[in-house]
């Protein structure tokens, strides 16, 4: 992030709030002309600073009212075990995030589901069926207090 100047940071801050902002509006908001602004955005994309642009979907309005924060312990830590577990998780759309962590668990997952019954099916028919999984501890979100995808650039 050291190669980002103040103008890059202004651009990134605005695009994180509104990713589809027209270049003319973005340039005006950061105080530069359109061509240099467009070149900066292009450079930020080419360098991978801007990894992509997406539409943020409200989970409840999309019928996914249950958020589960699950911790997973693996049966062992052999490379093949870790790779097989991570490969399986990468194919499941219900798993929004997976973090390898330190401490008494190996992974923290953020999972969405329609309701408790659909999570129970996911847990019993997918996650617990993996031979790499020793234990799963599930916690259920009562409500989302804060949510942001914007990084503090």
Protein backbone atom coordinates (compact mmCIF):
# COMPACT_ATOMS: atom_id res chain seq x y z
CA UNK A 1 0.00 0.00 0.00
CA UNK A 2 3.03 2.25 0.23
CA UNK A 3 2.87 2.94 -3.50
CA UNK A 4 -0.57 4.56 -3.17
CA UNK A 5 -0.62 8.34 -3.07
CA UNK A 6 -3.35 10.57 -1.65
CA UNK A 7 -5.20 10.75 -4.97
CA UNK A 8 -5.23 6.94 -5.29
CA UNK A 9 -6.65 6.73 -1.78
CA UNK A 10 -9.40 9.25 -2.58
CA UNK A 11 -10.34 7.28 -5.69
CA UNK A 12 -10.37 3.99 -3.80
CA UNK A 13 -12.46 5.43 -0.97
CA UNK A 14 -15.12 6.65 -3.40
CA UNK A 15 -15.14 3.49 -5.52
CA UNK A 16 -15.58 1.35 -2.40
CA UNK A 17 -18.76 3.30 -1.64
CA UNK A 18 -20.05 3.27 -5.22
CA UNK A 19 -18.18 0.91 -7.53
CA UNK A 20 -20.19 1.88 -10.61
CA UNK A 21 -19.54 5.62 -10.26
CA UNK A 22 -19.08 7.11 -13.75
CA UNK A 23 -15.51 8.25 -14.40
CA UNK A 24 -16.66 11.84 -14.99
CA UNK A 25 -18.32 11.96 -11.57
CA UNK A 26 -15.34 10.27 -9.91
CA UNK A 27 -12.88 12.69 -11.51
CA UNK A 28 -14.97 15.66 -10.42
CA UNK A 29 -15.22 14.33 -6.85
CA UNK A 30 -11.46 13.89 -6.48
CA UNK A 31 -10.59 17.12 -8.28
CA UNK A 32 -8.93 15.92 -11.45
CA UNK A 33 -9.77 15.69 -15.14
CA UNK A 34 -11.31 12.54 -16.61
CA UNK A 35 -8.35 11.16 -18.56
CA UNK A 36 -5.84 11.14 -15.69
CA UNK A 37 -8.51 9.76 -13.37
CA UNK A 38 -9.34 6.98 -15.84
CA UNK A 39 -5.62 6.13 -16.16
CA UNK A 40 -5.28 5.90 -12.38
CA UNK A 41 -8.30 3.59 -12.10
CA UNK A 42 -6.92 1.48 -14.95
CA UNK A 43 -3.51 1.27 -13.22
CA UNK A 44 -5.13 0.34 -9.90
CA UNK A 45 -6.97 -2.49 -11.69
CA UNK A 46 -3.87 -3.68 -13.54
CA UNK A 47 -1.86 -3.73 -10.30
CA UNK A 48 -4.57 -5.74 -8.58
CA UNK A 49 -5.34 -3.05 -6.01
CA UNK A 50 -8.87 -3.02 -7.42
CA UNK A 51 -9.50 -6.76 -7.52
CA UNK A 52 -12.96 -6.55 -9.07
CA UNK A 53 -16.33 -4.87 -8.87
CA UNK A 54 -19.45 -6.56 -7.54
CA UNK A 55 -23.03 -5.88 -6.57
CA UNK A 56 -23.59 -6.19 -2.81
CA UNK A 57 -26.73 -8.23 -2.19
CA UNK A 58 -28.72 -7.93 1.04
CA UNK A 59 -28.79 -11.51 2.41
CA UNK A 60 -32.19 -11.20 4.10
CA UNK A 61 -33.85 -9.77 1.00
CA UNK A 62 -32.27 -12.60 -0.99
CA UNK A 63 -33.87 -15.16 1.35
CA UNK A 64 -30.71 -15.94 3.33
CA UNK A 65 -31.75 -14.89 6.83
CA UNK A 66 -29.35 -17.07 8.83
CA UNK A 67 -25.68 -16.17 9.29
CA UNK A 68 -23.50 -18.78 10.96
CA UNK A 69 -20.02 -18.24 12.34
CA UNK A 70 -18.49 -21.68 12.56
CA UNK A 71 -15.13 -22.84 13.83
CA UNK A 72 -13.63 -26.01 12.42
CA UNK A 73 -10.89 -28.29 13.73
CA UNK A 74 -9.26 -30.70 11.34
CA UNK A 75 -8.49 -34.33 12.10
CA UNK A 76 -4.80 -33.69 11.36
CA UNK A 77 -2.61 -31.05 9.75
CA UNK A 78 -1.02 -32.99 6.91
CA UNK A 79 -0.72 -31.01 3.68
CA UNK A 80 -3.12 -33.35 1.88
CA UNK A 81 -5.74 -32.91 4.62
CA UNK A 82 -5.53 -29.12 4.53
CA UNK A 83 -5.63 -29.01 0.73
CA UNK A 84 -8.64 -31.35 0.50
CA UNK A 85 -10.58 -29.36 3.12
CA UNK A 86 -9.85 -26.00 1.49
CA UNK A 87 -10.66 -27.37 -1.98
CA UNK A 88 -14.07 -28.64 -0.78
CA UNK A 89 -14.93 -25.33 0.89
CA UNK A 90 -14.05 -23.36 -2.22
CA UNK A 91 -16.86 -25.11 -4.11
CA UNK A 92 -19.64 -24.35 -1.60
CA UNK A 93 -21.44 -21.05 -2.22
CA UNK A 94 -22.87 -21.03 1.32
CA UNK A 95 -19.37 -20.45 2.69
CA UNK A 96 -18.73 -16.74 2.18
CA UNK A 97 -15.46 -16.56 4.08
CA UNK A 98 -12.91 -19.04 5.35
CA UNK A 99 -9.98 -17.98 7.50
CA UNK A 100 -7.16 -20.24 8.65
CA UNK A 101 -6.55 -19.13 12.21
CA UNK A 102 -4.27 -19.63 15.18
CA UNK A 103 -5.44 -20.98 18.51
CA UNK A 104 -7.48 -24.02 19.45
CA UNK A 105 -9.37 -24.16 16.12
CA UNK A 106 -8.03 -24.34 12.59
CA UNK A 107 -10.60 -22.34 10.59
CA UNK A 108 -13.30 -19.73 11.07
CA UNK A 109 -16.12 -19.78 8.51
CA UNK A 110 -18.90 -17.34 7.71
CA UNK A 111 -21.81 -19.26 6.25
CA UNK A 112 -25.23 -18.10 5.05
CA UNK A 113 -28.38 -20.19 4.86
CA UNK A 114 -32.09 -19.71 4.33
CA UNK A 115 -32.95 -20.95 7.81
CA UNK A 116 -31.89 -23.35 10.56
CA UNK A 117 -33.12 -26.40 8.63
CA UNK A 118 -31.06 -25.56 5.54
CA UNK A 119 -27.98 -24.97 7.71
CA UNK A 120 -28.53 -28.31 9.43
CA UNK A 121 -28.63 -29.99 5.99
CA UNK A 122 -25.44 -28.19 4.94
CA UNK A 123 -23.74 -29.17 8.20
CA UNK A 124 -24.78 -32.83 8.24
CA UNK A 125 -24.66 -33.56 4.50
CA UNK A 126 -21.57 -31.58 3.52
CA UNK A 127 -19.32 -30.17 6.22
CA UNK A 128 -19.44 -33.07 8.67
CA UNK A 129 -19.17 -35.59 5.81
CA UNK A 130 -15.64 -34.40 5.07
CA UNK A 131 -13.21 -36.94 6.53
CA UNK A 132 -10.78 -34.09 7.25
CA UNK A 133 -13.17 -32.47 9.77
CA UNK A 134 -12.84 -33.45 13.42
CA UNK A 135 -15.21 -30.89 15.00
CA UNK A 136 -17.45 -27.98 14.07
CA UNK A 137 -18.69 -25.40 16.55
CA UNK A 138 -21.51 -23.20 15.23
CA UNK A 139 -22.57 -19.80 16.50
CA UNK A 140 -25.60 -18.01 15.11
CA UNK A 141 -25.70 -14.30 14.44
CA UNK A 142 -28.62 -12.60 16.17
CA UNK A 143 -28.22 -9.41 14.13
CA UNK A 144 -25.57 -7.66 12.11
CA UNK A 145 -24.25 -4.67 14.06
CA UNK A 146 -21.67 -3.51 11.53
CA UNK A 147 -20.87 -4.61 8.01
CA UNK A 148 -18.49 -3.06 5.56
CA UNK A 149 -16.53 -4.14 2.54
CA UNK A 150 -14.60 -0.85 2.45
CA UNK A 151 -10.98 -1.00 3.52
CA UNK A 152 -9.56 1.96 5.47
CA UNK A 153 -7.28 3.23 2.70
